Every structure is written in C-alpha cells, then in structure tokens.
Amino acid sequence: MPLACVRIGTIINNTDVNPAQGGKLVQAAGTLTKILRKNPLQVSNPSHGAKKLSKAGQRSWLGRRAVVRGVAMIPVDHPHVERSKSSGNNGRCSLTPWGKPCKSGN
C-alpha cells in the first residue's frame, strides 16, 4: 500500500524504502513504525540508541553479553592466546583452529 493512502498516526510493520522492492525496515517481531509525516518516513523512537547505561549489569539485563579478548583466555579456549611469554613461540604465528594463519596475516 502506498504511503499516500495511509493515515497519519497509523502503526505499520515491514516498511519498504522504494516501492515494489519489498520490506527492508522494521521487520523483526515486535517492532513497529508510526506514520508521523507523509514524507519522509521517520521511525517513532529515534532516541533509543542514545540511552546511557548506568552500570555494567544493565548490559546483561538487555541480553548483551560481555566480550572477552582472545589473548586473555587460556590456550585451550582460543587460538590468539600466547602460549608462554618466557618460552617464546619459536617463530610460529597464531593459527586458526583449522591451521590457517591469523592475526599476523602471514
């Protein structure tokens, strides 16, 4: 349905950018778009990404897990771990679990 036929204030889902291209915006379950003006289309909650989190626990409440660097893990968990600082790596570069070079690009 063209935007010209929709009333202002209508809540819609699966909005397309160009006609006959298929839905590109607001596709996920539970998301919605509210028609504020006829041209251009504006999302109803533009300040959503600007919200400041007051403590680290709020990230986990929102389902955003902490990211741990590979070099901070133990050798069995990640290929970027330095095996031992004192023994050196004998000229070998870091490898992926499949044996391909990584991190250094060699």
PDB file of N, CA and C in Angstrom:
ATOM      1  N   MET A   1       0.849  -1.172   0.000  1.00  0.00           N
ATOM      2  CA  MET A   1       0.000   0.000   0.000  1.00  0.00           C
ATOM      3  C   MET A   1       0.896   1.237   0.000  1.00  0.00           C
ATOM      4  N   PRO A   2       0.658   2.192  -0.865  1.00  0.00           N
ATOM      5  CA  PRO A   2       1.479   3.403  -0.896  1.00  0.00           C
ATOM      6  C   PRO A   2       1.289   4.250   0.354  1.00  0.00           C
ATOM      7  N   LEU A   3       2.329   5.003   0.691  1.00  0.00           N
ATOM      8  CA  LEU A   3       2.314   5.838   1.883  1.00  0.00           C
ATOM      9  C   LEU A   3       1.228   6.908   1.806  1.00  0.00           C
ATOM     10  N   ALA A   4       0.896   7.348   0.613  1.00  0.00           N
ATOM     11  CA  ALA A   4      -0.123   8.387   0.448  1.00  0.00           C
ATOM     12  C   ALA A   4      -1.503   7.904   0.895  1.00  0.00           C
ATOM     13  N   CYS A   5      -1.725   6.591   0.896  1.00  0.00           N
ATOM     14  CA  CYS A   5      -3.033   6.040   1.268  1.00  0.00           C
ATOM     15  C   CYS A   5      -3.160   5.761   2.764  1.00  0.00           C
ATOM     16  N   VAL A   6      -2.058   5.852   3.508  1.00  0.00           N
ATOM     17  CA  VAL A   6      -2.061   5.526   4.929  1.00  0.00           C
ATOM     18  C   VAL A   6      -2.261   6.805   5.734  1.00  0.00           C
ATOM     19  N   ARG A   7      -3.106   6.735   6.784  1.00  0.00           N
ATOM     20  CA  ARG A   7      -3.362   7.907   7.611  1.00  0.00           C
ATOM     21  C   ARG A   7      -2.204   8.184   8.571  1.00  0.00           C
ATOM     22  N   ILE A   8      -2.014   9.445   8.954  1.00  0.00           N
ATOM     23  CA  ILE A   8      -1.003   9.825   9.929  1.00  0.00           C
ATOM     24  C   ILE A   8      -1.405   9.246  11.279  1.00  0.00           C
ATOM     25  N   GLY A   9      -0.426   8.666  12.000  1.00  0.00           N
ATOM     26  CA  GLY A   9      -0.684   8.044  13.286  1.00  0.00           C
ATOM     27  C   GLY A   9      -0.894   6.539  13.198  1.00  0.00           C
ATOM     28  N   THR A  10      -0.948   5.986  11.990  1.00  0.00           N
ATOM     29  CA  THR A  10      -1.140   4.549  11.814  1.00  0.00           C
ATOM     30  C   THR A  10       0.150   3.815  12.157  1.00  0.00           C
ATOM     31  N   ILE A  11       0.033   2.690  12.842  1.00  0.00           N
ATOM     32  CA  ILE A  11       1.187   1.860  13.185  1.00  0.00           C
ATOM     33  C   ILE A  11       1.299   0.758  12.138  1.00  0.00           C
ATOM     34  N   ILE A  12       2.487   0.649  11.533  1.00  0.00           N
ATOM     35  CA  ILE A  12       2.693  -0.351  10.484  1.00  0.00           C
ATOM     36  C   ILE A  12       3.975  -1.127  10.763  1.00  0.00           C
ATOM     37  N   ASN A  13       4.150  -2.239  10.064  1.00  0.00           N
ATOM     38  CA  ASN A  13       5.315  -3.106  10.196  1.00  0.00           C
ATOM     39  C   ASN A  13       5.806  -3.465   8.802  1.00  0.00           C
ATOM     40  N   ASN A  14       7.082  -3.826   8.673  1.00  0.00           N
ATOM     41  CA  ASN A  14       7.682  -4.280   7.421  1.00  0.00           C
ATOM     42  C   ASN A  14       7.555  -3.227   6.325  1.00  0.00           C
ATOM     43  N   THR A  15       8.253  -2.130   6.508  1.00  0.00           N
ATOM     44  CA  THR A  15       8.175  -0.987   5.616  1.00  0.00           C
ATOM     45  C   THR A  15       9.249  -1.090   4.537  1.00  0.00           C
ATOM     46  N   ASP A  16       8.893  -0.777   3.306  1.00  0.00           N
ATOM     47  CA  ASP A  16       9.905  -0.771   2.250  1.00  0.00           C
ATOM     48  C   ASP A  16      10.357   0.649   1.956  1.00  0.00           C
ATOM     49  N   VAL A  17      11.612   0.775   1.480  1.00  0.00           N
ATOM     50  CA  VAL A  17      12.194   2.078   1.199  1.00  0.00           C
ATOM     51  C   VAL A  17      11.703   2.594  -0.142  1.00  0.00           C
ATOM     52  N   ASN A  18      11.777   1.759  -1.162  1.00  0.00           N
ATOM     53  CA  ASN A  18      11.320   2.110  -2.503  1.00  0.00           C
ATOM     54  C   ASN A  18      10.134   1.211  -2.860  1.00  0.00           C
ATOM     55  N   PRO A  19       9.174   1.727  -3.625  1.00  0.00           N
ATOM     56  CA  PRO A  19       8.014   0.915  -3.990  1.00  0.00           C
ATOM     57  C   PRO A  19       8.420  -0.354  -4.745  1.00  0.00           C
ATOM     58  N   ALA A  20       7.708  -1.435  -4.483  1.00  0.00           N
ATOM     59  CA  ALA A  20       7.881  -2.733  -5.150  1.00  0.00           C
ATOM     60  C   ALA A  20       9.250  -3.349  -4.896  1.00  0.00           C
ATOM     61  N   GLN A  21       9.928  -2.976  -3.822  1.00  0.00           N
ATOM     62  CA  GLN A  21      11.230  -3.561  -3.507  1.00  0.00           C
ATOM     63  C   GLN A  21      11.128  -4.574  -2.380  1.00  0.00           C
ATOM     64  N   GLY A  22      10.023  -4.602  -1.686  1.00  0.00           N
ATOM     65  CA  GLY A  22       9.866  -5.498  -0.549  1.00  0.00           C
ATOM     66  C   GLY A  22      10.276  -4.801   0.728  1.00  0.00           C
ATOM     67  N   GLY A  23       9.826  -5.334   1.843  1.00  0.00           N
ATOM     68  CA  GLY A  23      10.100  -4.714   3.134  1.00  0.00           C
ATOM     69  C   GLY A  23      11.560  -4.745   3.507  1.00  0.00           C
ATOM     70  N   LYS A  24      12.122  -3.613   3.901  1.00  0.00           N
ATOM     71  CA  LYS A  24      13.522  -3.502   4.312  1.00  0.00           C
ATOM     72  C   LYS A  24      13.658  -3.009   5.743  1.00  0.00           C
ATOM     73  N   LEU A  25      12.720  -2.196   6.219  1.00  0.00           N
ATOM     74  CA  LEU A  25      12.793  -1.603   7.542  1.00  0.00           C
ATOM     75  C   LEU A  25      11.744  -2.215   8.463  1.00  0.00           C
ATOM     76  N   VAL A  26      12.043  -2.262   9.740  1.00  0.00           N
ATOM     77  CA  VAL A  26      11.112  -2.676  10.785  1.00  0.00           C
ATOM     78  C   VAL A  26      10.531  -4.055  10.470  1.00  0.00           C
ATOM     79  N   GLN A  27      11.416  -5.061  10.354  1.00  0.00           N
ATOM     80  CA  GLN A  27      10.962  -6.400  10.010  1.00  0.00           C
ATOM     81  C   GLN A  27      10.890  -7.336  11.200  1.00  0.00           C
ATOM     82  N   ALA A  28      11.642  -7.072  12.259  1.00  0.00           N
ATOM     83  CA  ALA A  28      11.727  -8.004  13.373  1.00  0.00           C
ATOM     84  C   ALA A  28      10.407  -8.080  14.131  1.00  0.00           C
ATOM     85  N   ALA A  29      10.216  -9.193  14.810  1.00  0.00           N
ATOM     86  CA  ALA A  29       8.996  -9.389  15.581  1.00  0.00           C
ATOM     87  C   ALA A  29       8.910  -8.371  16.711  1.00  0.00           C
ATOM     88  N   GLY A  30       7.769  -7.762  16.885  1.00  0.00           N
ATOM     89  CA  GLY A  30       7.550  -6.814  17.962  1.00  0.00           C
ATOM     90  C   GLY A  30       7.971  -5.392  17.641  1.00  0.00           C
ATOM     91  N   THR A  31       8.508  -5.135  16.461  1.00  0.00           N
ATOM     92  CA  THR A  31       8.898  -3.775  16.098  1.00  0.00           C
ATOM     93  C   THR A  31       7.774  -3.123  15.305  1.00  0.00           C
ATOM     94  N   LEU A  32       7.744  -1.797  15.339  1.00  0.00           N
ATOM     95  CA  LEU A  32       6.694  -1.095  14.632  1.00  0.00           C
ATOM     96  C   LEU A  32       7.176   0.273  14.177  1.00  0.00           C
ATOM     97  N   THR A  33       6.483   0.819  13.217  1.00  0.00           N
ATOM     98  CA  THR A  33       6.730   2.162  12.714  1.00  0.00           C
ATOM     99  C   THR A  33       5.423   2.934  12.827  1.00  0.00           C
ATOM    100  N   LYS A  34       5.514   4.165  13.271  1.00  0.00           N
ATOM    101  CA  LYS A  34       4.334   5.016  13.362  1.00  0.00           C
ATOM    102  C   LYS A  34       4.480   6.127  12.337  1.00  0.00           C
ATOM    103  N   ILE A  35       3.472   6.337  11.524  1.00  0.00           N
ATOM    104  CA  ILE A  35       3.498   7.380  10.500  1.00  0.00           C
ATOM    105  C   ILE A  35       3.361   8.728  11.197  1.00  0.00           C
ATOM    106  N   LEU A  36       4.432   9.538  11.166  1.00  0.00           N
ATOM    107  CA  LEU A  36       4.405  10.861  11.775  1.00  0.00           C
ATOM    108  C   LEU A  36       4.172  11.946  10.740  1.00  0.00           C
ATOM    109  N   ARG A  37       4.798  11.776   9.584  1.00  0.00           N
ATOM    110  CA  ARG A  37       4.616  12.698   8.468  1.00  0.00           C
ATOM    111  C   ARG A  37       4.542  11.861   7.206  1.00  0.00           C
ATOM    112  N   LYS A  38       3.987  12.407   6.171  1.00  0.00           N
ATOM    113  CA  LYS A  38       3.868  11.646   4.930  1.00  0.00           C
ATOM    114  C   LYS A  38       5.205  11.495   4.218  1.00  0.00           C
ATOM    115  N   ASN A  39       6.064  12.517   4.311  1.00  0.00           N
ATOM    116  CA  ASN A  39       7.319  12.432   3.580  1.00  0.00           C
ATOM    117  C   ASN A  39       8.388  13.166   4.355  1.00  0.00           C
ATOM    118  N   PRO A  40       9.467  12.641   4.795  1.00  0.00           N
ATOM    119  CA  PRO A  40       9.869  11.238   4.712  1.00  0.00           C
ATOM    120  C   PRO A  40       9.335  10.437   5.889  1.00  0.00           C
ATOM    121  N   LEU A  41       9.471   9.126   5.817  1.00  0.00           N
ATOM    122  CA  LEU A  41       9.060   8.235   6.890  1.00  0.00           C
ATOM    123  C   LEU A  41      10.072   8.309   8.022  1.00  0.00           C
ATOM    124  N   GLN A  42       9.629   8.460   9.255  1.00  0.00           N
ATOM    125  CA  GLN A  42      10.517   8.606  10.398  1.00  0.00           C
ATOM    126  C   GLN A  42      10.170   7.538  11.427  1.00  0.00           C
ATOM    127  N   VAL A  43      11.189   6.911  11.976  1.00  0.00           N
ATOM    128  CA  VAL A  43      10.978   5.899  12.997  1.00  0.00           C
ATOM    129  C   VAL A  43      10.473   6.578  14.260  1.00  0.00           C
ATOM    130  N   SER A  44       9.570   5.897  14.989  1.00  0.00           N
ATOM    131  CA  SER A  44       8.889   6.547  16.098  1.00  0.00           C
ATOM    132  C   SER A  44       9.742   6.726  17.349  1.00  0.00           C
ATOM    133  N   ASN A  45      10.862   6.010  17.496  1.00  0.00           N
ATOM    134  CA  ASN A  45      11.688   6.148  18.700  1.00  0.00           C
ATOM    135  C   ASN A  45      13.147   6.398  18.297  1.00  0.00           C
ATOM    136  N   PRO A  46      13.480   7.590  17.815  1.00  0.00           N
ATOM    137  CA  PRO A  46      14.839   7.838  17.329  1.00  0.00           C
ATOM    138  C   PRO A  46      15.896   7.918  18.426  1.00  0.00           C
ATOM    139  N   SER A  47      15.501   8.160  19.680  1.00  0.00           N
ATOM    140  CA  SER A  47      16.483   8.301  20.752  1.00  0.00           C
ATOM    141  C   SER A  47      16.794   6.975  21.445  1.00  0.00           C
ATOM    142  N   HIS A  48      16.359   5.860  20.887  1.00  0.00           N
ATOM    143  CA  HIS A  48      16.554   4.558  21.530  1.00  0.00           C
ATOM    144  C   HIS A  48      18.035   4.223  21.712  1.00  0.00           C
ATOM    145  N   GLY A  49      18.880   4.494  20.723  1.00  0.00           N
ATOM    146  CA  GLY A  49      20.296   4.160  20.796  1.00  0.00           C
ATOM    147  C   GLY A  49      21.102   5.110  21.668  1.00  0.00           C
ATOM    148  N   ALA A  50      20.540   6.256  22.042  1.00  0.00           N
ATOM    149  CA  ALA A  50      21.269   7.255  22.813  1.00  0.00           C
ATOM    150  C   ALA A  50      21.155   7.040  24.318  1.00  0.00           C
ATOM    151  N   LYS A  51      20.460   5.998  24.740  1.00  0.00           N
ATOM    152  CA  LYS A  51      20.251   5.749  26.158  1.00  0.00           C
ATOM    153  C   LYS A  51      21.554   5.312  26.818  1.00  0.00           C
ATOM    154  N   LYS A  52      21.919   5.962  27.935  1.00  0.00           N
ATOM    155  CA  LYS A  52      23.136   5.632  28.674  1.00  0.00           C
ATOM    156  C   LYS A  52      22.834   4.543  29.692  1.00  0.00           C
ATOM    157  N   LEU A  53      23.722   3.574  29.794  1.00  0.00           N
ATOM    158  CA  LEU A  53      23.580   2.524  30.783  1.00  0.00           C
ATOM    159  C   LEU A  53      24.342   2.948  32.033  1.00  0.00           C
ATOM    160  N   SER A  54      23.708   2.847  33.205  1.00  0.00           N
ATOM    161  CA  SER A  54      24.326   3.371  34.421  1.00  0.00           C
ATOM    162  C   SER A  54      25.299   2.397  35.066  1.00  0.00           C
ATOM    163  N   LYS A  55      25.177   1.107  34.803  1.00  0.00           N
ATOM    164  CA  LYS A  55      26.098   0.145  35.394  1.00  0.00           C
ATOM    165  C   LYS A  55      26.261  -1.058  34.471  1.00  0.00           C
ATOM    166  N   ALA A  56      27.291  -1.846  34.731  1.00  0.00           N
ATOM    167  CA  ALA A  56      27.614  -2.961  33.846  1.00  0.00           C
ATOM    168  C   ALA A  56      26.507  -4.004  33.822  1.00  0.00           C
ATOM    169  N   GLY A  57      25.783  -4.150  34.925  1.00  0.00           N
ATOM    170  CA  GLY A  57      24.717  -5.135  34.981  1.00  0.00           C
ATOM    171  C   GLY A  57      23.581  -4.854  34.024  1.00  0.00           C
ATOM    172  N   GLN A  58      23.376  -3.595  33.661  1.00  0.00           N
ATOM    173  CA  GLN A  58      22.295  -3.252  32.743  1.00  0.00           C
ATOM    174  C   GLN A  58      22.526  -3.849  31.363  1.00  0.00           C
ATOM    175  N   ARG A  59      23.782  -3.979  30.948  1.00  0.00           N
ATOM    176  CA  ARG A  59      24.071  -4.610  29.658  1.00  0.00           C
ATOM    177  C   ARG A  59      23.572  -6.047  29.648  1.00  0.00           C
ATOM    178  N   SER A  60      23.803  -6.768  30.755  1.00  0.00           N
ATOM    179  CA  SER A  60      23.374  -8.161  30.805  1.00  0.00           C
ATOM    180  C   SER A  60      21.853  -8.265  30.897  1.00  0.00           C
ATOM    181  N   TRP A  61      21.196  -7.291  31.518  1.00  0.00           N
ATOM    182  CA  TRP A  61      19.735  -7.300  31.559  1.00  0.00           C
ATOM    183  C   TRP A  61      19.147  -7.192  30.160  1.00  0.00           C
ATOM    184  N   LEU A  62      19.849  -6.457  29.289  1.00  0.00           N
ATOM    185  CA  LEU A  62      19.375  -6.274  27.923  1.00  0.00           C
ATOM    186  C   LEU A  62      19.790  -7.414  27.000  1.00  0.00           C
ATOM    187  N   GLY A  63      20.504  -8.397  27.542  1.00  0.00           N
ATOM    188  CA  GLY A  63      20.908  -9.543  26.735  1.00  0.00           C
ATOM    189  C   GLY A  63      22.200  -9.345  25.979  1.00  0.00           C
ATOM    190  N   ARG A  64      22.975  -8.313  26.304  1.00  0.00           N
ATOM    191  CA  ARG A  64      24.252  -8.062  25.632  1.00  0.00           C
ATOM    192  C   ARG A  64      25.363  -8.659  26.483  1.00  0.00           C
ATOM    193  N   ARG A  65      25.969  -9.720  26.024  1.00  0.00           N
ATOM    194  CA  ARG A  65      26.987 -10.406  26.804  1.00  0.00           C
ATOM    195  C   ARG A  65      28.313  -9.668  26.743  1.00  0.00           C
ATOM    196  N   ALA A  66      29.149  -9.878  27.745  1.00  0.00           N
ATOM    197  CA  ALA A  66      30.473  -9.274  27.776  1.00  0.00           C
ATOM    198  C   ALA A  66      31.356  -9.908  26.715  1.00  0.00           C
ATOM    199  N   VAL A  67      32.280  -9.124  26.168  1.00  0.00           N
ATOM    200  CA  VAL A  67      33.202  -9.617  25.151  1.00  0.00           C
ATOM    201  C   VAL A  67      34.568  -9.789  25.794  1.00  0.00           C
ATOM    202  N   VAL A  68      35.092 -10.998  25.732  1.00  0.00           N
ATOM    203  CA  VAL A  68      36.391 -11.284  26.322  1.00  0.00           C
ATOM    204  C   VAL A  68      37.409 -11.409  25.200  1.00  0.00           C
ATOM    205  N   ARG A  69      38.542 -10.706  25.341  1.00  0.00           N
ATOM    206  CA  ARG A  69      39.588 -10.773  24.321  1.00  0.00           C
ATOM    207  C   ARG A  69      40.191 -12.169  24.284  1.00  0.00           C
ATOM    208  N   GLY A  70      40.581 -12.603  23.083  1.00  0.00           N
ATOM    209  CA  GLY A  70      41.167 -13.925  22.934  1.00  0.00           C
ATOM    210  C   GLY A  70      42.475 -14.079  23.682  1.00  0.00           C
ATOM    211  N   VAL A  71      43.281 -13.017  23.766  1.00  0.00           N
ATOM    212  CA  VAL A  71      44.573 -13.112  24.446  1.00  0.00           C
ATOM    213  C   VAL A  71      44.418 -13.205  25.954  1.00  0.00           C
ATOM    214  N   ALA A  72      43.231 -12.914  26.491  1.00  0.00           N
ATOM    215  CA  ALA A  72      43.013 -13.009  27.927  1.00  0.00           C
ATOM    216  C   ALA A  72      42.521 -14.392  28.346  1.00  0.00           C
ATOM    217  N   MET A  73      42.298 -15.288  27.372  1.00  0.00           N
ATOM    218  CA  MET A  73      41.802 -16.623  27.673  1.00  0.00           C
ATOM    219  C   MET A  73      42.960 -17.593  27.897  1.00  0.00           C
ATOM    220  N   ILE A  74      42.614 -18.832  28.224  1.00  0.00           N
ATOM    221  CA  ILE A  74      43.633 -19.866  28.350  1.00  0.00           C
ATOM    222  C   ILE A  74      43.835 -20.511  26.982  1.00  0.00           C
ATOM    223  N   PRO A  75      44.983 -21.130  26.726  1.00  0.00           N
ATOM    224  CA  PRO A  75      45.293 -21.630  25.386  1.00  0.00           C
ATOM    225  C   PRO A  75      44.282 -22.605  24.794  1.00  0.00           C
ATOM    226  N   VAL A  76      43.598 -23.366  25.616  1.00  0.00           N
ATOM    227  CA  VAL A  76      42.661 -24.344  25.068  1.00  0.00           C
ATOM    228  C   VAL A  76      41.387 -23.677  24.531  1.00  0.00           C
ATOM    229  N   ASP A  77      41.095 -22.439  24.958  1.00  0.00           N
ATOM    230  CA  ASP A  77      39.860 -21.770  24.568  1.00  0.00           C
ATOM    231  C   ASP A  77      39.968 -20.921  23.307  1.00  0.00           C
ATOM    232  N   HIS A  78      41.169 -20.461  22.952  1.00  0.00           N
ATOM    233  CA  HIS A  78      41.261 -19.526  21.832  1.00  0.00           C
ATOM    234  C   HIS A  78      42.629 -19.601  21.171  1.00  0.00           C
ATOM    235  N   PRO A  79      42.696 -19.489  19.827  1.00  0.00           N
ATOM    236  CA  PRO A  79      43.986 -19.582  19.137  1.00  0.00           C
ATOM    237  C   PRO A  79      44.869 -18.336  19.272  1.00  0.00           C
ATOM    238  N   HIS A  80      44.350 -17.209  19.751  1.00  0.00           N
ATOM    239  CA  HIS A  80      45.155 -15.996  19.870  1.00  0.00           C
ATOM    240  C   HIS A  80      45.923 -15.916  21.178  1.00  0.00           C
ATOM    241  N   VAL A  81      45.841 -16.936  21.996  1.00  0.00           N
ATOM    242  CA  VAL A  81      46.494 -16.921  23.292  1.00  0.00           C
ATOM    243  C   VAL A  81      47.986 -17.112  23.120  1.00  0.00           C
ATOM    244  N   GLU A  82      48.766 -16.309  23.864  1.00  0.00           N
ATOM    245  CA  GLU A  82      50.214 -16.529  23.877  1.00  0.00           C
ATOM    246  C   GLU A  82      50.479 -17.727  24.759  1.00  0.00           C
ATOM    247  N   ARG A  83      51.161 -18.721  24.214  1.00  0.00           N
ATOM    248  CA  ARG A  83      51.366 -19.971  24.943  1.00  0.00           C
ATOM    249  C   ARG A  83      52.170 -19.738  26.224  1.00  0.00           C
ATOM    250  N   SER A  84      53.301 -19.075  26.097  1.00  0.00           N
ATOM    251  CA  SER A  84      54.107 -18.781  27.272  1.00  0.00           C
ATOM    252  C   SER A  84      55.004 -17.618  26.916  1.00  0.00           C
ATOM    253  N   LYS A  85      55.036 -16.614  27.758  1.00  0.00           N
ATOM    254  CA  LYS A  85      55.843 -15.433  27.460  1.00  0.00           C
ATOM    255  C   LYS A  85      57.327 -15.734  27.551  1.00  0.00           C
ATOM    256  N   SER A  86      57.735 -16.654  28.437  1.00  0.00           N
ATOM    257  CA  SER A  86      59.158 -16.911  28.623  1.00  0.00           C
ATOM    258  C   SER A  86      59.733 -17.826  27.550  1.00  0.00           C
ATOM    259  N   SER A  87      58.949 -18.783  27.071  1.00  0.00           N
ATOM    260  CA  SER A  87      59.487 -19.753  26.123  1.00  0.00           C
ATOM    261  C   SER A  87      59.471 -19.253  24.688  1.00  0.00           C
ATOM    262  N   GLY A  88      58.673 -18.228  24.395  1.00  0.00           N
ATOM    263  CA  GLY A  88      58.581 -17.739  23.029  1.00  0.00           C
ATOM    264  C   GLY A  88      57.708 -18.645  22.193  1.00  0.00           C
ATOM    265  N   ASN A  89      57.523 -18.296  20.934  1.00  0.00           N
ATOM    266  CA  ASN A  89      56.669 -19.118  20.085  1.00  0.00           C
ATOM    267  C   ASN A  89      57.470 -19.819  18.995  1.00  0.00           C
ATOM    268  N   ASN A  90      58.792 -19.776  19.071  1.00  0.00           N
ATOM    269  CA  ASN A  90      59.670 -20.459  18.123  1.00  0.00           C
ATOM    270  C   ASN A  90      59.408 -20.051  16.680  1.00  0.00           C
ATOM    271  N   GLY A  91      59.057 -18.789  16.459  1.00  0.00           N
ATOM    272  CA  GLY A  91      58.879 -18.280  15.103  1.00  0.00           C
ATOM    273  C   GLY A  91      57.539 -18.625  14.478  1.00  0.00           C
ATOM    274  N   ARG A  92      56.640 -19.251  15.204  1.00  0.00           N
ATOM    275  CA  ARG A  92      55.337 -19.613  14.639  1.00  0.00           C
ATOM    276  C   ARG A  92      54.334 -18.488  14.887  1.00  0.00           C
ATOM    277  N   CYS A  93      53.459 -18.268  13.910  1.00  0.00           N
ATOM    278  CA  CYS A  93      52.421 -17.244  14.085  1.00  0.00           C
ATOM    279  C   CYS A  93      51.159 -17.894  14.629  1.00  0.00           C
ATOM    280  N   SER A  94      50.203 -17.091  15.041  1.00  0.00           N
ATOM    281  CA  SER A  94      48.943 -17.611  15.546  1.00  0.00           C
ATOM    282  C   SER A  94      48.205 -18.320  14.417  1.00  0.00           C
ATOM    283  N   LEU A  95      47.501 -19.389  14.760  1.00  0.00           N
ATOM    284  CA  LEU A  95      46.763 -20.170  13.779  1.00  0.00           C
ATOM    285  C   LEU A  95      45.297 -20.263  14.185  1.00  0.00           C
ATOM    286  N   THR A  96      44.421 -20.394  13.180  1.00  0.00           N
ATOM    287  CA  THR A  96      43.016 -20.666  13.441  1.00  0.00           C
ATOM    288  C   THR A  96      42.887 -22.125  13.865  1.00  0.00           C
ATOM    289  N   PRO A  97      41.723 -22.534  14.354  1.00  0.00           N
ATOM    290  CA  PRO A  97      41.557 -23.951  14.704  1.00  0.00           C
ATOM    291  C   PRO A  97      41.757 -24.892  13.509  1.00  0.00           C
ATOM    292  N   TRP A  98      41.716 -24.372  12.287  1.00  0.00           N
ATOM    293  CA  TRP A  98      41.897 -25.183  11.086  1.00  0.00           C
ATOM    294  C   TRP A  98      43.316 -25.093  10.538  1.00  0.00           C
ATOM    295  N   GLY A  99      44.220 -24.439  11.268  1.00  0.00           N
ATOM    296  CA  GLY A  99      45.618 -24.380  10.878  1.00  0.00           C
ATOM    297  C   GLY A  99      45.995 -23.258   9.939  1.00  0.00           C
ATOM    298  N   LYS A 100      45.086 -22.347   9.649  1.00  0.00           N
ATOM    299  CA  LYS A 100      45.382 -21.227   8.767  1.00  0.00           C
ATOM    300  C   LYS A 100      45.968 -20.078   9.591  1.00  0.00           C
ATOM    301  N   PRO A 101      46.927 -19.309   9.047  1.00  0.00           N
ATOM    302  CA  PRO A 101      47.493 -18.193   9.801  1.00  0.00           C
ATOM    303  C   PRO A 101      46.437 -17.115  10.070  1.00  0.00           C
ATOM    304  N   CYS A 102      46.516 -16.506  11.240  1.00  0.00           N
ATOM    305  CA  CYS A 102      45.585 -15.442  11.584  1.00  0.00           C
ATOM    306  C   CYS A 102      46.340 -14.374  12.383  1.00  0.00           C
ATOM    307  N   LYS A 103      45.720 -13.268  12.606  1.00  0.00           N
ATOM    308  CA  LYS A 103      46.210 -12.183  13.432  1.00  0.00           C
ATOM    309  C   LYS A 103      47.395 -11.457  12.844  1.00  0.00           C
ATOM    310  N   SER A 104      48.386 -12.166  12.316  1.00  0.00           N
ATOM    311  CA  SER A 104      49.558 -11.503  11.757  1.00  0.00           C
ATOM    312  C   SER A 104      49.455 -11.351  10.243  1.00  0.00           C
ATOM    313  N   GLY A 105      48.606 -12.137   9.596  1.00  0.00           N
ATOM    314  CA  GLY A 105      48.404 -12.024   8.159  1.00  0.00           C
ATOM    315  C   GLY A 105      49.438 -12.748   7.331  1.00  0.00           C
ATOM    316  N   ASN A 106      50.343 -13.500   7.924  1.00  0.00           N
ATOM    317  CA  ASN A 106      51.361 -14.222   7.155  1.00  0.00           C
ATOM    318  C   ASN A 106      50.835 -15.508   6.605  1.00  0.00           C
TER     319      ASN A 106
END
